[in-house]
C-alpha atoms as a PDB file:
ATOM      1  CA  MET A   1      24.209   6.069 -16.139  1.00  0.00           C
ATOM      2  CA  PRO A   2      20.437   5.526 -16.569  1.00  0.00           C
ATOM      3  CA  LYS A   3      18.049   6.471 -13.840  1.00  0.00           C
ATOM      4  CA  ALA A   4      16.929   3.562 -11.640  1.00  0.00           C
ATOM      5  CA  LYS A   5      13.229   2.864 -12.133  1.00  0.00           C
ATOM      6  CA  ILE A   6      10.943   2.220  -9.202  1.00  0.00           C
ATOM      7  CA  HIS A   7       8.762  -0.883  -8.992  1.00  0.00           C
ATOM      8  CA  SER A   8       5.592   0.262 -10.774  1.00  0.00           C
ATOM      9  CA  GLY A   9       3.354  -2.140  -8.838  1.00  0.00           C
ATOM     10  CA  ALA A  10       4.638  -0.827  -5.520  1.00  0.00           C
ATOM     11  CA  ALA A  11       4.271   2.774  -6.683  1.00  0.00           C
ATOM     12  CA  LYS A  12       0.562   2.174  -7.299  1.00  0.00           C
ATOM     13  CA  ARG A  13      -0.019   0.521  -3.923  1.00  0.00           C
ATOM     14  CA  PHE A  14       2.033   2.512  -1.403  1.00  0.00           C
ATOM     15  CA  LYS A  15       2.309   6.222  -0.619  1.00  0.00           C
ATOM     16  CA  LYS A  16       4.924   7.729   1.662  1.00  0.00           C
ATOM     17  CA  THR A  17       3.722   9.671   4.717  1.00  0.00           C
ATOM     18  CA  SER A  18       5.392  12.729   6.198  1.00  0.00           C
ATOM     19  CA  SER A  19       6.943  10.613   8.955  1.00  0.00           C
ATOM     20  CA  GLY A  20       8.699   8.407   6.381  1.00  0.00           C
ATOM     21  CA  ASN A  21       6.420   5.387   6.725  1.00  0.00           C
ATOM     22  CA  TYR A  22       4.167   4.025   4.001  1.00  0.00           C
ATOM     23  CA  LYS A  23       0.384   3.852   3.941  1.00  0.00           C
ATOM     24  CA  ARG A  24      -1.638   1.224   2.113  1.00  0.00           C
ATOM     25  CA  LYS A  25      -5.236   0.372   1.360  1.00  0.00           C
ATOM     26  CA  SER A  26      -6.994  -2.766   2.519  1.00  0.00           C
ATOM     27  CA  ALA A  27      -7.277  -5.733   0.171  1.00  0.00           C
ATOM     28  CA  ASN A  28     -10.529  -7.422  -0.932  1.00  0.00           C
ATOM     29  CA  LYS A  29     -12.374  -4.173  -1.693  1.00  0.00           C
ATOM     30  CA  SER A  30     -12.332  -4.048  -5.498  1.00  0.00           C
ATOM     31  CA  HIS A  31     -15.122  -6.254  -6.881  1.00  0.00           C
ATOM     32  CA  ILE A  32     -17.726  -8.907  -5.987  1.00  0.00           C
ATOM     33  CA  LEU A  33     -18.901  -6.761  -3.097  1.00  0.00           C
ATOM     34  CA  THR A  34     -22.576  -7.747  -3.217  1.00  0.00           C
ATOM     35  CA  LYS A  35     -22.072 -10.894  -1.176  1.00  0.00           C
ATOM     36  CA  MET A  36     -19.986  -9.068   1.438  1.00  0.00           C
ATOM     37  CA  THR A  37     -21.728  -7.668   4.492  1.00  0.00           C
ATOM     38  CA  THR A  38     -21.952  -3.925   5.008  1.00  0.00           C
ATOM     39  CA  LYS A  39     -19.954  -4.233   8.212  1.00  0.00           C
ATOM     40  CA  ARG A  40     -17.095  -5.982   6.412  1.00  0.00           C
ATOM     41  CA  LYS A  41     -16.995  -3.387   3.632  1.00  0.00           C
ATOM     42  CA  ARG A  42     -17.014  -0.568   6.195  1.00  0.00           C
ATOM     43  CA  GLN A  43     -14.078  -2.113   8.080  1.00  0.00           C
ATOM     44  CA  LEU A  44     -12.049  -2.387   4.863  1.00  0.00           C
ATOM     45  CA  ARG A  45     -12.462   1.331   4.179  1.00  0.00           C
ATOM     46  CA  GLY A  46      -9.594   3.767   4.641  1.00  0.00           C
ATOM     47  CA  THR A  47      -5.849   3.280   4.906  1.00  0.00           C
ATOM     48  CA  SER A  48      -3.377   1.886   7.399  1.00  0.00           C
ATOM     49  CA  GLU A  49       0.396   1.931   7.765  1.00  0.00           C
ATOM     50  CA  ILE A  50       2.546  -0.975   6.692  1.00  0.00           C
ATOM     51  CA  HIS A  51       4.237  -3.222   9.224  1.00  0.00           C
ATOM     52  CA  LYS A  52       7.715  -2.079  10.272  1.00  0.00           C
ATOM     53  CA  ASN A  53       9.262  -5.360   9.050  1.00  0.00           C
ATOM     54  CA  ASP A  54       8.059  -4.655   5.493  1.00  0.00           C
ATOM     55  CA  LYS A  55       9.539  -1.146   5.373  1.00  0.00           C
ATOM     56  CA  VAL A  56      12.957  -2.376   4.173  1.00  0.00           C
ATOM     57  CA  LEU A  57      11.423  -4.261   1.237  1.00  0.00           C
ATOM     58  CA  ILE A  58       9.193  -1.385   0.183  1.00  0.00           C
ATOM     59  CA  ASP A  59      12.068   1.106   0.499  1.00  0.00           C
ATOM     60  CA  ARG A  60      14.021  -1.078  -1.918  1.00  0.00           C
ATOM     61  CA  MET A  61      11.133  -1.272  -4.397  1.00  0.00           C
ATOM     62  CA  MET A  62      10.518   2.490  -4.221  1.00  0.00           C
ATOM     63  CA  ARG A  63      14.267   3.190  -4.495  1.00  0.00           C
ATOM     64  CA  ALA A  64      14.171   5.288  -1.319  1.00  0.00           C
ATOM     65  CA  LYS A  65      17.455   6.238   0.243  1.00  0.00           C
END
């Protein structure tokens, strides 16, 4: 039986924390940043945890048991 592959797009976007949740980066922080205010760019910095309702979907994409 072949090994089940994980969703490669989800693997690039989500990392599992020690508590079993997933962390993610903020969107809109990749390019065309010159027109964005410094305050907005600063607020988009860092990571946050996903919403609990999305955990089931991401578990399925990451093939987590």
